[in-house]
Amino acid sequence: MDSETEAMAQRIAEKEVASVRLLTLELSEDEITVLASALTTLLHECDDSVIEAKSGASRDEVDAILQDLHTFLQQPSRQPMHS
């Protein structure tokens, strides 16, 4: 495993709740912006069958995830600023 893969593995945690595997992933704001851009491109450039084939989710599910990302990105920072 290379150092980049090891770093990513340290940023992922998982747990199972009601037979559903939940993952927690630490991403920077820039990384979330890249993810949102990729989902936007997928929604704008692909038809429903391609979206489902590439993502494993319906157009509505991908759009809901994208809207959640946009909502998160529009919120003020939750981190207290230390001087």
N, C-alpha and C. Protein backbone atom coordinates (compact mmCIF):
# COMPACT_ATOMS: atom_id res chain seq x y z
N MET A 1 0.85 -1.18 0.00
CA MET A 1 0.00 0.00 0.00
C MET A 1 0.89 1.24 0.00
N ASP A 2 0.67 2.17 -0.94
CA ASP A 2 1.51 3.36 -0.99
C ASP A 2 1.05 4.37 0.07
N SER A 3 1.84 5.42 0.27
CA SER A 3 1.55 6.38 1.35
C SER A 3 0.24 7.12 1.13
N GLU A 4 -0.12 7.39 -0.14
CA GLU A 4 -1.39 8.09 -0.41
C GLU A 4 -2.57 7.19 -0.06
N THR A 5 -2.49 5.91 -0.39
CA THR A 5 -3.55 4.96 -0.05
C THR A 5 -3.65 4.80 1.46
N GLU A 6 -2.52 4.73 2.14
CA GLU A 6 -2.53 4.63 3.60
C GLU A 6 -3.14 5.87 4.23
N ALA A 7 -2.83 7.05 3.71
CA ALA A 7 -3.40 8.28 4.24
C ALA A 7 -4.91 8.29 4.08
N MET A 8 -5.40 7.85 2.91
CA MET A 8 -6.84 7.80 2.67
C MET A 8 -7.50 6.81 3.62
N ALA A 9 -6.87 5.65 3.83
CA ALA A 9 -7.43 4.64 4.71
C ALA A 9 -7.58 5.17 6.13
N GLN A 10 -6.68 6.03 6.56
CA GLN A 10 -6.76 6.60 7.89
C GLN A 10 -7.90 7.61 7.99
N ARG A 11 -8.40 8.10 6.86
CA ARG A 11 -9.46 9.10 6.85
C ARG A 11 -10.84 8.48 6.71
N ILE A 12 -10.93 7.14 6.68
CA ILE A 12 -12.20 6.46 6.52
C ILE A 12 -12.48 5.61 7.76
N ALA A 13 -13.69 5.73 8.28
CA ALA A 13 -14.15 4.88 9.37
C ALA A 13 -15.47 4.26 8.94
N GLU A 14 -15.80 3.11 9.49
CA GLU A 14 -17.06 2.48 9.12
C GLU A 14 -17.73 1.87 10.33
N LYS A 15 -19.06 1.74 10.22
CA LYS A 15 -19.86 1.05 11.22
C LYS A 15 -21.09 0.53 10.53
N GLU A 16 -21.74 -0.45 11.16
CA GLU A 16 -22.96 -1.00 10.59
C GLU A 16 -24.13 -0.62 11.48
N VAL A 17 -25.18 -0.08 10.86
CA VAL A 17 -26.39 0.32 11.58
C VAL A 17 -27.56 -0.26 10.82
N ALA A 18 -28.36 -1.07 11.49
CA ALA A 18 -29.54 -1.69 10.88
C ALA A 18 -29.20 -2.34 9.55
N SER A 19 -28.14 -3.13 9.55
CA SER A 19 -27.68 -3.87 8.36
C SER A 19 -27.23 -2.99 7.20
N VAL A 20 -26.95 -1.72 7.49
CA VAL A 20 -26.45 -0.80 6.47
C VAL A 20 -25.03 -0.40 6.86
N ARG A 21 -24.11 -0.51 5.93
CA ARG A 21 -22.71 -0.13 6.17
C ARG A 21 -22.59 1.38 5.99
N LEU A 22 -22.28 2.10 7.05
CA LEU A 22 -22.10 3.55 7.02
C LEU A 22 -20.62 3.88 7.06
N LEU A 23 -20.18 4.74 6.16
CA LEU A 23 -18.79 5.15 6.11
C LEU A 23 -18.67 6.62 6.48
N THR A 24 -17.66 6.94 7.24
CA THR A 24 -17.34 8.32 7.57
C THR A 24 -16.01 8.62 6.90
N LEU A 25 -15.99 9.68 6.10
CA LEU A 25 -14.80 10.03 5.34
C LEU A 25 -14.48 11.49 5.56
N GLU A 26 -13.25 11.78 5.93
CA GLU A 26 -12.82 13.17 6.08
C GLU A 26 -12.41 13.70 4.72
N LEU A 27 -13.06 14.80 4.30
CA LEU A 27 -12.72 15.45 3.04
C LEU A 27 -12.53 16.94 3.29
N SER A 28 -11.61 17.52 2.55
CA SER A 28 -11.45 18.97 2.61
C SER A 28 -12.58 19.61 1.83
N GLU A 29 -12.78 20.89 2.04
CA GLU A 29 -13.80 21.61 1.28
C GLU A 29 -13.51 21.54 -0.22
N ASP A 30 -12.25 21.62 -0.59
CA ASP A 30 -11.87 21.51 -2.01
C ASP A 30 -12.23 20.13 -2.56
N GLU A 31 -12.01 19.08 -1.79
CA GLU A 31 -12.35 17.73 -2.24
C GLU A 31 -13.86 17.57 -2.43
N ILE A 32 -14.65 18.17 -1.53
CA ILE A 32 -16.10 18.13 -1.67
C ILE A 32 -16.54 18.90 -2.91
N THR A 33 -15.89 20.01 -3.19
CA THR A 33 -16.19 20.79 -4.39
C THR A 33 -15.91 19.97 -5.65
N VAL A 34 -14.81 19.23 -5.67
CA VAL A 34 -14.50 18.36 -6.81
C VAL A 34 -15.57 17.29 -6.96
N LEU A 35 -15.98 16.68 -5.87
CA LEU A 35 -17.02 15.66 -5.91
C LEU A 35 -18.33 16.25 -6.44
N ALA A 36 -18.70 17.43 -5.97
CA ALA A 36 -19.92 18.09 -6.43
C ALA A 36 -19.83 18.39 -7.93
N SER A 37 -18.68 18.82 -8.38
CA SER A 37 -18.50 19.10 -9.81
C SER A 37 -18.64 17.83 -10.64
N ALA A 38 -18.09 16.73 -10.16
CA ALA A 38 -18.20 15.46 -10.89
C ALA A 38 -19.65 15.00 -10.96
N LEU A 39 -20.39 15.13 -9.88
CA LEU A 39 -21.80 14.75 -9.89
C LEU A 39 -22.61 15.66 -10.80
N THR A 40 -22.31 16.95 -10.80
CA THR A 40 -22.99 17.89 -11.69
C THR A 40 -22.76 17.51 -13.15
N THR A 41 -21.52 17.19 -13.49
CA THR A 41 -21.20 16.78 -14.85
C THR A 41 -21.95 15.50 -15.22
N LEU A 42 -21.97 14.54 -14.32
CA LEU A 42 -22.69 13.29 -14.56
C LEU A 42 -24.17 13.56 -14.85
N LEU A 43 -24.79 14.41 -14.03
CA LEU A 43 -26.21 14.71 -14.21
C LEU A 43 -26.48 15.46 -15.51
N HIS A 44 -25.61 16.37 -15.89
CA HIS A 44 -25.83 17.20 -17.08
C HIS A 44 -25.49 16.49 -18.38
N GLU A 45 -24.55 15.56 -18.36
CA GLU A 45 -24.07 14.97 -19.61
C GLU A 45 -24.53 13.55 -19.87
N CYS A 46 -25.21 12.93 -18.92
CA CYS A 46 -25.59 11.53 -19.09
C CYS A 46 -27.09 11.34 -18.95
N ASP A 47 -27.60 10.34 -19.67
CA ASP A 47 -29.02 10.01 -19.50
C ASP A 47 -29.17 9.09 -18.29
N ASP A 48 -30.41 8.83 -17.91
CA ASP A 48 -30.68 8.09 -16.68
C ASP A 48 -30.01 6.72 -16.63
N SER A 49 -30.01 5.99 -17.77
CA SER A 49 -29.42 4.65 -17.76
C SER A 49 -27.91 4.71 -17.55
N VAL A 50 -27.25 5.70 -18.12
CA VAL A 50 -25.80 5.85 -17.94
C VAL A 50 -25.49 6.26 -16.50
N ILE A 51 -26.28 7.18 -15.95
CA ILE A 51 -26.07 7.59 -14.55
C ILE A 51 -26.17 6.38 -13.64
N GLU A 52 -27.19 5.56 -13.85
CA GLU A 52 -27.36 4.38 -12.99
C GLU A 52 -26.22 3.38 -13.20
N ALA A 53 -25.78 3.20 -14.44
CA ALA A 53 -24.69 2.27 -14.71
C ALA A 53 -23.37 2.74 -14.09
N LYS A 54 -23.10 4.04 -14.16
CA LYS A 54 -21.83 4.58 -13.66
C LYS A 54 -21.81 4.74 -12.14
N SER A 55 -22.98 5.11 -11.56
CA SER A 55 -22.99 5.42 -10.13
C SER A 55 -23.67 4.36 -9.27
N GLY A 56 -24.50 3.53 -9.89
CA GLY A 56 -25.26 2.56 -9.12
C GLY A 56 -26.45 3.18 -8.42
N ALA A 57 -26.78 4.41 -8.80
CA ALA A 57 -27.88 5.14 -8.18
C ALA A 57 -28.73 5.79 -9.27
N SER A 58 -29.96 6.09 -8.93
CA SER A 58 -30.84 6.77 -9.88
C SER A 58 -30.46 8.24 -9.99
N ARG A 59 -30.96 8.90 -11.03
CA ARG A 59 -30.74 10.33 -11.20
C ARG A 59 -31.20 11.08 -9.96
N ASP A 60 -32.38 10.73 -9.42
CA ASP A 60 -32.91 11.42 -8.23
C ASP A 60 -32.00 11.24 -7.03
N GLU A 61 -31.44 10.03 -6.86
CA GLU A 61 -30.54 9.78 -5.74
C GLU A 61 -29.25 10.60 -5.88
N VAL A 62 -28.69 10.62 -7.08
CA VAL A 62 -27.47 11.41 -7.32
C VAL A 62 -27.76 12.89 -7.10
N ASP A 63 -28.89 13.36 -7.59
CA ASP A 63 -29.26 14.76 -7.41
C ASP A 63 -29.43 15.10 -5.92
N ALA A 64 -30.03 14.20 -5.15
CA ALA A 64 -30.20 14.44 -3.71
C ALA A 64 -28.84 14.54 -3.01
N ILE A 65 -27.90 13.67 -3.39
CA ILE A 65 -26.55 13.74 -2.81
C ILE A 65 -25.90 15.07 -3.18
N LEU A 66 -26.04 15.46 -4.44
CA LEU A 66 -25.47 16.73 -4.89
C LEU A 66 -26.06 17.91 -4.12
N GLN A 67 -27.36 17.90 -3.92
CA GLN A 67 -28.00 18.98 -3.17
C GLN A 67 -27.49 19.02 -1.72
N ASP A 68 -27.28 17.85 -1.12
CA ASP A 68 -26.71 17.80 0.24
C ASP A 68 -25.31 18.41 0.26
N LEU A 69 -24.52 18.11 -0.76
CA LEU A 69 -23.17 18.68 -0.83
C LEU A 69 -23.22 20.19 -0.98
N HIS A 70 -24.11 20.68 -1.85
CA HIS A 70 -24.25 22.14 -2.04
C HIS A 70 -24.71 22.81 -0.75
N THR A 71 -25.65 22.19 -0.05
CA THR A 71 -26.12 22.74 1.23
C THR A 71 -24.97 22.83 2.22
N PHE A 72 -24.17 21.76 2.29
CA PHE A 72 -23.04 21.76 3.20
C PHE A 72 -22.04 22.86 2.83
N LEU A 73 -21.74 22.99 1.54
CA LEU A 73 -20.75 23.97 1.10
C LEU A 73 -21.21 25.41 1.35
N GLN A 74 -22.50 25.64 1.40
CA GLN A 74 -23.02 27.00 1.61
C GLN A 74 -23.06 27.39 3.08
N GLN A 75 -22.87 26.44 3.99
CA GLN A 75 -22.89 26.74 5.42
C GLN A 75 -21.60 27.42 5.84
N PRO A 76 -21.71 28.33 6.81
CA PRO A 76 -20.47 28.92 7.34
C PRO A 76 -19.62 27.83 8.02
N SER A 77 -18.34 28.06 8.07
CA SER A 77 -17.42 27.12 8.68
C SER A 77 -17.84 26.82 10.10
N ARG A 78 -17.75 25.56 10.49
CA ARG A 78 -18.10 25.15 11.86
C ARG A 78 -16.89 25.14 12.77
N GLN A 79 -15.71 25.30 12.19
CA GLN A 79 -14.47 25.25 12.96
C GLN A 79 -14.23 26.59 13.63
N PRO A 80 -14.04 26.61 14.95
CA PRO A 80 -13.68 27.88 15.59
C PRO A 80 -12.30 28.32 15.14
N MET A 81 -12.15 29.60 14.90
CA MET A 81 -10.85 30.13 14.49
C MET A 81 -10.03 30.44 15.72
N HIS A 82 -8.83 29.92 15.76
CA HIS A 82 -7.92 30.16 16.89
C HIS A 82 -6.88 31.18 16.45
N SER A 83 -6.57 32.10 17.36
CA SER A 83 -5.55 33.09 17.01
C SER A 83 -4.22 32.77 17.62
